[in-house]
Structure formats: structure tokens, C-alpha cells
């Protein structure tokens, strides 16, 4: 669990401090939603026994808890930080962040921290992250109607 906390929570928050200093508002608006989306996707994946994250616990989501408060909301915060500040297409940013997040998870697969079952593959991981980021983008579009982001 130390490794999960180090790489899923502490190291991402080092980068997250930069994001907080640059755009606190976008982070505070996006990060909680991103954490809920990540948790929801993970619960479904754990329930359908598509994956497992070490260390194994009776409560499957416990091992992923640091990621719900670290890497997922931080990466999503950066995604929307870049979408807001660049001239690039949001779709391009979403694809880049989907690839980056998939590579991070693939590293977990390679080192034996993440295990796939029941036909789940890294390709399905890419698709699930893409869907999650698209859901977050829909939320961002909704936010822009009501809040100056």
C-alpha cells in the first residue's frame, strides 16, 4: 500500500501543487468530479472482475484509494488547465491524456501491481480512460454554462 500511496497520491500532488498555484479554480471544480468518475469506473471494473490492484484487500477499492485522491484528479485538472490555455483541440488533449494515463497503468501491469482478467486488456483500459475523460469534458462544458472557468 506504500507504493500505491507514493505513486498514486504523493508524487501526483507534487505536480498538483503547481496546478493549484496556477489555476485553483479549475482544480477545485474538476478534481472532485474526476475522483467520482474514477471511483465509479473502478467499482464497475472490480465488480465485473476485470482487474485487481495490489495489495489485495477484502474491499477491492481500498488499494486504489490513493489514486482516487491523487493521480486521477490531478491529471484531469491538468487536462482542463491545458484545454483552457492552449489553442489545441480539446479532443487532441483528451487523446493525449488518455494515452498518458494508459501508459501509467500499463507500467502498473508490467511491474505486477495491476492484474487483468476476463478479457480485459490495455486496449480496453485506453477506452475506459477515454470514456472517463469524455464524461469529465461533458461536465466541463456544463460548468462553463454556469461558472466562469
N, C-alpha and C. Protein backbone atom coordinates (compact mmCIF):
# COMPACT_ATOMS: atom_id res chain seq x y z
N UNK A 1 0.82 -1.19 0.00
CA UNK A 1 0.00 0.00 0.00
C UNK A 1 0.87 1.26 0.00
N UNK A 2 2.08 1.13 0.51
CA UNK A 2 3.01 2.26 0.50
C UNK A 2 3.29 2.72 -0.94
N UNK A 3 3.52 1.76 -1.83
CA UNK A 3 3.79 2.08 -3.24
C UNK A 3 2.60 2.80 -3.86
N UNK A 4 1.38 2.31 -3.58
CA UNK A 4 0.17 2.94 -4.11
C UNK A 4 0.07 4.39 -3.62
N UNK A 5 0.36 4.59 -2.35
CA UNK A 5 0.28 5.93 -1.77
C UNK A 5 1.36 6.84 -2.34
N UNK A 6 2.57 6.31 -2.49
CA UNK A 6 3.67 7.11 -3.02
C UNK A 6 3.40 7.54 -4.47
N UNK A 7 3.10 6.56 -5.33
CA UNK A 7 2.95 6.86 -6.76
C UNK A 7 1.55 7.31 -7.15
N UNK A 8 0.55 6.94 -6.36
CA UNK A 8 -0.82 7.32 -6.70
C UNK A 8 -1.29 8.60 -6.05
N UNK A 9 -0.63 9.01 -4.94
CA UNK A 9 -1.09 10.18 -4.20
C UNK A 9 0.02 11.23 -4.01
N UNK A 10 1.12 10.84 -3.40
CA UNK A 10 2.13 11.82 -3.02
C UNK A 10 2.85 12.45 -4.22
N UNK A 11 3.35 11.64 -5.13
CA UNK A 11 4.05 12.18 -6.30
C UNK A 11 3.10 13.01 -7.18
N UNK A 12 1.88 12.52 -7.46
CA UNK A 12 0.97 13.39 -8.22
C UNK A 12 0.68 14.73 -7.54
N UNK A 13 0.62 14.74 -6.21
CA UNK A 13 0.35 16.00 -5.52
C UNK A 13 1.51 16.98 -5.58
N UNK A 14 2.71 16.48 -5.81
CA UNK A 14 3.83 17.39 -6.03
C UNK A 14 3.55 18.21 -7.29
N UNK A 15 3.09 17.53 -8.35
CA UNK A 15 2.70 18.24 -9.57
C UNK A 15 1.42 19.03 -9.33
N UNK A 16 0.54 18.49 -8.50
CA UNK A 16 -0.73 19.16 -8.21
C UNK A 16 -0.56 20.51 -7.55
N UNK A 17 0.49 20.67 -6.78
CA UNK A 17 0.76 21.97 -6.15
C UNK A 17 0.98 23.04 -7.21
N UNK A 18 1.69 22.67 -8.28
CA UNK A 18 1.89 23.60 -9.41
C UNK A 18 0.53 23.99 -9.99
N UNK A 19 -0.32 23.01 -10.20
CA UNK A 19 -1.65 23.27 -10.76
C UNK A 19 -2.47 24.15 -9.83
N UNK A 20 -2.42 23.88 -8.54
CA UNK A 20 -3.16 24.70 -7.58
C UNK A 20 -2.71 26.15 -7.61
N UNK A 21 -1.42 26.36 -7.75
CA UNK A 21 -0.90 27.72 -7.81
C UNK A 21 -1.27 28.43 -9.11
N UNK A 22 -1.36 27.68 -10.18
CA UNK A 22 -1.65 28.26 -11.49
C UNK A 22 -3.14 28.51 -11.72
N UNK A 23 -3.96 27.54 -11.29
CA UNK A 23 -5.40 27.66 -11.55
C UNK A 23 -6.18 26.89 -10.49
N UNK A 24 -6.31 27.49 -9.33
CA UNK A 24 -7.01 26.85 -8.21
C UNK A 24 -8.46 26.57 -8.58
N UNK A 25 -9.08 27.49 -9.27
CA UNK A 25 -10.50 27.37 -9.59
C UNK A 25 -10.79 26.12 -10.43
N UNK A 26 -10.03 25.93 -11.51
CA UNK A 26 -10.28 24.77 -12.36
C UNK A 26 -10.05 23.49 -11.59
N UNK A 27 -9.02 23.48 -10.75
CA UNK A 27 -8.75 22.28 -9.96
C UNK A 27 -9.90 21.99 -9.00
N UNK A 28 -10.34 23.00 -8.28
CA UNK A 28 -11.42 22.79 -7.30
C UNK A 28 -12.74 22.40 -7.95
N UNK A 29 -12.96 22.85 -9.17
CA UNK A 29 -14.19 22.49 -9.86
C UNK A 29 -14.13 21.12 -10.52
N UNK A 30 -12.98 20.73 -11.02
CA UNK A 30 -12.85 19.49 -11.78
C UNK A 30 -12.44 18.29 -10.93
N UNK A 31 -11.52 18.48 -10.01
CA UNK A 31 -10.93 17.35 -9.27
C UNK A 31 -11.96 16.49 -8.53
N UNK A 32 -12.91 17.06 -7.81
CA UNK A 32 -13.87 16.19 -7.12
C UNK A 32 -14.71 15.35 -8.10
N UNK A 33 -15.09 15.97 -9.20
CA UNK A 33 -15.86 15.22 -10.20
C UNK A 33 -15.01 14.10 -10.80
N UNK A 34 -13.75 14.39 -11.10
CA UNK A 34 -12.85 13.38 -11.66
C UNK A 34 -12.67 12.21 -10.70
N UNK A 35 -12.56 12.51 -9.41
CA UNK A 35 -12.42 11.44 -8.41
C UNK A 35 -13.66 10.55 -8.39
N UNK A 36 -14.83 11.14 -8.49
CA UNK A 36 -16.09 10.37 -8.50
C UNK A 36 -16.16 9.51 -9.77
N UNK A 37 -15.79 10.08 -10.90
CA UNK A 37 -15.80 9.32 -12.15
C UNK A 37 -14.82 8.15 -12.06
N UNK A 38 -13.62 8.38 -11.57
CA UNK A 38 -12.62 7.32 -11.43
C UNK A 38 -13.13 6.22 -10.50
N UNK A 39 -13.70 6.64 -9.38
CA UNK A 39 -14.22 5.66 -8.42
C UNK A 39 -15.34 4.83 -9.06
N UNK A 40 -16.22 5.48 -9.78
CA UNK A 40 -17.35 4.79 -10.41
C UNK A 40 -16.85 3.77 -11.43
N UNK A 41 -15.94 4.18 -12.30
CA UNK A 41 -15.39 3.25 -13.28
C UNK A 41 -14.70 2.07 -12.59
N UNK A 42 -13.92 2.36 -11.55
CA UNK A 42 -13.22 1.29 -10.84
C UNK A 42 -14.16 0.32 -10.15
N UNK A 43 -15.19 0.83 -9.52
CA UNK A 43 -16.14 -0.05 -8.84
C UNK A 43 -16.77 -1.01 -9.84
N UNK A 44 -17.15 -0.50 -11.00
CA UNK A 44 -17.73 -1.36 -12.03
C UNK A 44 -16.69 -2.41 -12.47
N UNK A 45 -15.47 -1.98 -12.72
CA UNK A 45 -14.42 -2.91 -13.14
C UNK A 45 -14.09 -3.95 -12.09
N UNK A 46 -14.05 -3.54 -10.83
CA UNK A 46 -13.80 -4.50 -9.75
C UNK A 46 -14.97 -5.48 -9.63
N UNK A 47 -16.18 -4.96 -9.71
CA UNK A 47 -17.37 -5.81 -9.58
C UNK A 47 -17.43 -6.85 -10.70
N UNK A 48 -17.10 -6.43 -11.91
CA UNK A 48 -17.13 -7.36 -13.05
C UNK A 48 -15.87 -8.22 -13.13
N UNK A 49 -14.98 -8.02 -12.15
CA UNK A 49 -13.73 -8.78 -12.05
C UNK A 49 -12.87 -8.63 -13.31
N UNK A 50 -12.79 -7.39 -13.82
CA UNK A 50 -11.93 -7.11 -14.96
C UNK A 50 -10.50 -6.85 -14.53
N UNK A 51 -10.32 -6.36 -13.31
CA UNK A 51 -8.97 -6.08 -12.83
C UNK A 51 -8.90 -6.16 -11.32
N UNK A 52 -7.68 -6.20 -10.85
CA UNK A 52 -7.38 -6.16 -9.43
C UNK A 52 -6.11 -5.34 -9.26
N UNK A 53 -6.04 -4.60 -8.17
CA UNK A 53 -4.86 -3.80 -7.87
C UNK A 53 -4.25 -4.33 -6.58
N UNK A 54 -2.94 -4.52 -6.59
CA UNK A 54 -2.24 -4.96 -5.37
C UNK A 54 -2.04 -3.79 -4.44
N UNK A 55 -1.98 -4.01 -3.17
CA UNK A 55 -2.19 -5.26 -2.47
C UNK A 55 -3.68 -5.62 -2.41
N UNK A 56 -3.93 -6.92 -2.39
CA UNK A 56 -5.31 -7.41 -2.40
C UNK A 56 -5.95 -7.14 -1.04
N UNK A 57 -7.20 -6.64 -1.07
CA UNK A 57 -7.96 -6.34 0.13
C UNK A 57 -9.37 -6.90 -0.01
N UNK A 58 -10.04 -7.09 1.13
CA UNK A 58 -11.45 -7.51 1.09
C UNK A 58 -12.31 -6.45 0.39
N UNK A 59 -12.00 -5.20 0.65
CA UNK A 59 -12.68 -4.10 -0.04
C UNK A 59 -11.78 -3.74 -1.22
N UNK A 60 -12.20 -4.14 -2.42
CA UNK A 60 -11.34 -4.05 -3.60
C UNK A 60 -10.86 -2.63 -3.88
N UNK A 61 -11.71 -1.65 -3.64
CA UNK A 61 -11.35 -0.27 -3.98
C UNK A 61 -10.32 0.33 -3.02
N UNK A 62 -10.06 -0.33 -1.91
CA UNK A 62 -9.13 0.21 -0.93
C UNK A 62 -7.74 0.42 -1.52
N UNK A 63 -7.26 -0.54 -2.31
CA UNK A 63 -5.92 -0.42 -2.90
C UNK A 63 -5.83 0.74 -3.88
N UNK A 64 -6.95 1.11 -4.48
CA UNK A 64 -6.96 2.21 -5.46
C UNK A 64 -7.27 3.56 -4.82
N UNK A 65 -7.56 3.57 -3.54
CA UNK A 65 -7.93 4.81 -2.86
C UNK A 65 -6.94 5.97 -3.07
N UNK A 66 -5.64 5.74 -2.98
CA UNK A 66 -4.71 6.86 -3.22
C UNK A 66 -4.86 7.46 -4.62
N UNK A 67 -5.18 6.63 -5.61
CA UNK A 67 -5.34 7.13 -6.96
C UNK A 67 -6.58 8.00 -7.11
N UNK A 68 -7.64 7.70 -6.35
CA UNK A 68 -8.87 8.50 -6.43
C UNK A 68 -8.65 9.93 -5.95
N UNK A 69 -7.71 10.10 -5.03
CA UNK A 69 -7.42 11.43 -4.48
C UNK A 69 -6.13 12.03 -5.02
N UNK A 70 -5.44 11.29 -5.88
CA UNK A 70 -4.16 11.75 -6.38
C UNK A 70 -4.10 11.81 -7.89
N UNK A 71 -3.63 10.74 -8.49
CA UNK A 71 -3.30 10.77 -9.91
C UNK A 71 -4.51 11.11 -10.79
N UNK A 72 -5.69 10.57 -10.51
CA UNK A 72 -6.82 10.82 -11.40
C UNK A 72 -7.30 12.27 -11.35
N UNK A 73 -7.56 12.84 -10.18
CA UNK A 73 -7.98 14.25 -10.18
C UNK A 73 -6.88 15.21 -10.62
N UNK A 74 -5.62 14.90 -10.31
CA UNK A 74 -4.52 15.77 -10.72
C UNK A 74 -4.39 15.76 -12.24
N UNK A 75 -4.37 14.57 -12.85
CA UNK A 75 -4.27 14.50 -14.30
C UNK A 75 -5.46 15.19 -14.97
N UNK A 76 -6.64 14.99 -14.44
CA UNK A 76 -7.82 15.62 -15.03
C UNK A 76 -7.76 17.13 -14.87
N UNK A 77 -7.28 17.60 -13.74
CA UNK A 77 -7.08 19.03 -13.54
C UNK A 77 -6.12 19.61 -14.56
N UNK A 78 -5.00 18.90 -14.80
CA UNK A 78 -4.05 19.36 -15.81
C UNK A 78 -4.66 19.31 -17.21
N UNK A 79 -5.45 18.29 -17.48
CA UNK A 79 -6.11 18.21 -18.78
C UNK A 79 -6.91 19.48 -19.06
N UNK A 80 -7.72 19.90 -18.11
CA UNK A 80 -8.56 21.07 -18.34
C UNK A 80 -7.77 22.38 -18.22
N UNK A 81 -6.71 22.36 -17.48
CA UNK A 81 -5.81 23.51 -17.44
C UNK A 81 -5.24 23.74 -18.85
N UNK A 82 -4.78 22.66 -19.51
CA UNK A 82 -4.22 22.79 -20.85
C UNK A 82 -5.30 23.09 -21.89
N UNK A 83 -6.46 22.49 -21.74
CA UNK A 83 -7.56 22.79 -22.68
C UNK A 83 -7.88 24.28 -22.64
N UNK A 84 -7.94 24.84 -21.43
CA UNK A 84 -8.26 26.26 -21.29
C UNK A 84 -7.19 27.17 -21.85
N UNK A 85 -5.94 26.79 -21.76
CA UNK A 85 -4.84 27.72 -22.04
C UNK A 85 -4.14 27.50 -23.38
N UNK A 86 -4.54 26.51 -24.12
CA UNK A 86 -3.84 26.28 -25.38
C UNK A 86 -4.82 26.48 -26.54
N UNK A 87 -4.27 26.54 -27.70
CA UNK A 87 -5.09 26.65 -28.89
C UNK A 87 -5.41 25.29 -29.50
N UNK A 88 -4.96 24.25 -28.84
CA UNK A 88 -5.18 22.90 -29.36
C UNK A 88 -6.62 22.48 -29.14
N UNK A 89 -7.04 21.56 -29.95
CA UNK A 89 -8.39 20.99 -29.84
C UNK A 89 -8.53 20.20 -28.54
N UNK A 90 -9.67 20.34 -27.85
CA UNK A 90 -9.90 19.51 -26.65
C UNK A 90 -9.79 18.02 -26.93
N UNK A 91 -10.21 17.61 -28.12
CA UNK A 91 -10.12 16.18 -28.47
C UNK A 91 -8.67 15.72 -28.48
N UNK A 92 -7.79 16.54 -29.01
CA UNK A 92 -6.37 16.19 -29.02
C UNK A 92 -5.84 16.07 -27.60
N UNK A 93 -6.18 17.02 -26.74
CA UNK A 93 -5.75 16.95 -25.33
C UNK A 93 -6.31 15.70 -24.65
N UNK A 94 -7.58 15.41 -24.90
CA UNK A 94 -8.20 14.23 -24.29
C UNK A 94 -7.48 12.97 -24.75
N UNK A 95 -7.17 12.87 -26.03
CA UNK A 95 -6.44 11.69 -26.53
C UNK A 95 -5.05 11.60 -25.92
N UNK A 96 -4.35 12.73 -25.80
CA UNK A 96 -3.01 12.71 -25.19
C UNK A 96 -3.07 12.28 -23.73
N UNK A 97 -4.03 12.81 -22.98
CA UNK A 97 -4.13 12.44 -21.57
C UNK A 97 -4.62 11.00 -21.41
N UNK A 98 -5.46 10.55 -22.33
CA UNK A 98 -5.87 9.14 -22.30
C UNK A 98 -4.67 8.24 -22.51
N UNK A 99 -3.82 8.59 -23.47
CA UNK A 99 -2.62 7.81 -23.72
C UNK A 99 -1.68 7.85 -22.52
N UNK A 100 -1.47 9.04 -21.94
CA UNK A 100 -0.60 9.17 -20.77
C UNK A 100 -1.11 8.32 -19.60
N UNK A 101 -2.39 8.40 -19.32
CA UNK A 101 -2.97 7.64 -18.21
C UNK A 101 -2.88 6.14 -18.48
N UNK A 102 -3.08 5.74 -19.73
CA UNK A 102 -2.97 4.33 -20.09
C UNK A 102 -1.54 3.84 -19.91
N UNK A 103 -0.57 4.67 -20.28
CA UNK A 103 0.85 4.31 -20.10
C UNK A 103 1.17 4.15 -18.62
N UNK A 104 0.63 5.04 -17.80
CA UNK A 104 0.85 4.93 -16.35
C UNK A 104 0.29 3.61 -15.85
N UNK A 105 -0.93 3.27 -16.28
CA UNK A 105 -1.50 1.99 -15.83
C UNK A 105 -0.73 0.81 -16.40
N UNK A 106 -0.30 0.90 -17.64
CA UNK A 106 0.48 -0.19 -18.23
C UNK A 106 1.75 -0.44 -17.43
N UNK A 107 2.36 0.62 -16.92
CA UNK A 107 3.52 0.46 -16.06
C UNK A 107 3.14 -0.38 -14.84
N UNK A 108 1.95 -0.11 -14.28
CA UNK A 108 1.47 -0.92 -13.16
C UNK A 108 1.27 -2.37 -13.53
N UNK A 109 0.82 -2.62 -14.75
CA UNK A 109 0.65 -4.00 -15.23
C UNK A 109 2.00 -4.68 -15.36
N UNK A 110 2.95 -3.98 -15.95
CA UNK A 110 4.29 -4.55 -16.19
C UNK A 110 4.99 -4.89 -14.88
N UNK A 111 4.86 -4.04 -13.86
CA UNK A 111 5.54 -4.31 -12.59
C UNK A 111 4.72 -5.23 -11.68
N UNK A 112 3.55 -5.65 -12.13
CA UNK A 112 2.76 -6.62 -11.38
C UNK A 112 1.85 -6.04 -10.31
N UNK A 113 1.57 -4.75 -10.38
CA UNK A 113 0.67 -4.11 -9.40
C UNK A 113 -0.79 -4.15 -9.86
N UNK A 114 -1.01 -4.22 -11.17
CA UNK A 114 -2.34 -4.25 -11.75
C UNK A 114 -2.47 -5.56 -12.52
N UNK A 115 -3.58 -6.26 -12.31
CA UNK A 115 -3.80 -7.56 -12.94
C UNK A 115 -5.13 -7.51 -13.69
N UNK A 116 -5.11 -7.99 -14.95
CA UNK A 116 -6.32 -8.00 -15.78
C UNK A 116 -6.88 -9.42 -15.85
N UNK A 117 -8.23 -9.48 -15.94
CA UNK A 117 -8.94 -10.75 -16.01
C UNK A 117 -10.12 -10.62 -16.98
N UNK A 118 -10.74 -11.75 -17.28
CA UNK A 118 -11.99 -11.81 -18.03
C UNK A 118 -11.95 -11.03 -19.34
N UNK A 119 -10.83 -11.11 -20.04
CA UNK A 119 -10.72 -10.48 -21.35
C UNK A 119 -10.35 -9.02 -21.33
N UNK A 120 -10.12 -8.46 -20.15
CA UNK A 120 -9.71 -7.05 -20.09
C UNK A 120 -8.28 -6.93 -20.60
N UNK A 121 -8.02 -5.90 -21.39
CA UNK A 121 -6.69 -5.67 -21.95
C UNK A 121 -6.33 -4.19 -21.80
N UNK A 122 -5.11 -3.87 -22.17
CA UNK A 122 -4.68 -2.48 -22.13
C UNK A 122 -5.48 -1.64 -23.12
N UNK A 123 -5.93 -2.24 -24.20
CA UNK A 123 -6.79 -1.52 -25.15
C UNK A 123 -8.11 -1.11 -24.49
N UNK A 124 -8.72 -2.02 -23.73
CA UNK A 124 -9.95 -1.68 -23.00
C UNK A 124 -9.67 -0.62 -21.94
N UNK A 125 -8.48 -0.66 -21.37
CA UNK A 125 -8.09 0.38 -20.42
C UNK A 125 -8.08 1.74 -21.11
N UNK A 126 -7.49 1.80 -22.30
CA UNK A 126 -7.47 3.04 -23.07
C UNK A 126 -8.90 3.54 -23.31
N UNK A 127 -9.77 2.63 -23.73
CA UNK A 127 -11.17 3.00 -24.00
C UNK A 127 -11.85 3.52 -22.73
N UNK A 128 -11.60 2.86 -21.60
CA UNK A 128 -12.25 3.29 -20.35
C UNK A 128 -11.76 4.67 -19.92
N UNK A 129 -10.45 4.93 -20.06
CA UNK A 129 -9.94 6.26 -19.73
C UNK A 129 -10.48 7.31 -20.70
N UNK A 130 -10.58 6.95 -21.96
CA UNK A 130 -11.15 7.87 -22.94
C UNK A 130 -12.59 8.23 -22.56
N UNK A 131 -13.38 7.23 -22.22
CA UNK A 131 -14.77 7.49 -21.80
C UNK A 131 -14.82 8.36 -20.54
N UNK A 132 -13.95 8.06 -19.59
CA UNK A 132 -13.92 8.84 -18.35
C UNK A 132 -13.57 10.30 -18.62
N UNK A 133 -12.58 10.53 -19.47
CA UNK A 133 -12.21 11.91 -19.80
C UNK A 133 -13.31 12.61 -20.60
N UNK A 134 -14.01 11.88 -21.45
CA UNK A 134 -15.12 12.47 -22.19
C UNK A 134 -16.25 12.85 -21.24
N UNK A 135 -16.54 12.01 -20.26
CA UNK A 135 -17.54 12.34 -19.24
C UNK A 135 -17.12 13.61 -18.51
N UNK A 136 -15.85 13.69 -18.13
CA UNK A 136 -15.35 14.89 -17.44
C UNK A 136 -15.42 16.11 -18.35
N UNK A 137 -15.17 15.92 -19.63
CA UNK A 137 -15.27 17.04 -20.57
C UNK A 137 -16.72 17.53 -20.67
N UNK A 138 -17.66 16.60 -20.67
CA UNK A 138 -19.07 16.99 -20.66
C UNK A 138 -19.41 17.82 -19.43
N UNK A 139 -18.87 17.42 -18.30
CA UNK A 139 -19.05 18.18 -17.06
C UNK A 139 -18.42 19.57 -17.19
N UNK A 140 -17.24 19.65 -17.80
CA UNK A 140 -16.55 20.92 -18.01
C UNK A 140 -17.40 21.85 -18.89
N UNK A 141 -17.98 21.31 -19.95
CA UNK A 141 -18.85 22.10 -20.83
C UNK A 141 -20.05 22.61 -20.03
N UNK A 142 -20.63 21.76 -19.21
CA UNK A 142 -21.75 22.17 -18.35
C UNK A 142 -21.33 23.27 -17.37
N UNK A 143 -20.16 23.11 -16.77
CA UNK A 143 -19.64 24.11 -15.85
C UNK A 143 -19.52 25.48 -16.53
N UNK A 144 -19.02 25.47 -17.77
CA UNK A 144 -18.81 26.72 -18.48
C UNK A 144 -20.11 27.50 -18.70
N UNK A 145 -21.24 26.81 -18.68
CA UNK A 145 -22.54 27.49 -18.83
C UNK A 145 -22.90 28.30 -17.58
N UNK A 146 -22.42 27.83 -16.42
CA UNK A 146 -22.86 28.42 -15.15
C UNK A 146 -21.76 29.10 -14.34
N UNK A 147 -20.50 28.79 -14.67
CA UNK A 147 -19.38 29.31 -13.88
C UNK A 147 -18.33 29.83 -14.85
N UNK A 148 -17.68 30.89 -14.49
CA UNK A 148 -16.58 31.42 -15.30
C UNK A 148 -15.33 30.57 -15.03
N UNK A 149 -15.08 29.61 -15.93
CA UNK A 149 -13.89 28.75 -15.78
C UNK A 149 -12.85 29.06 -16.79
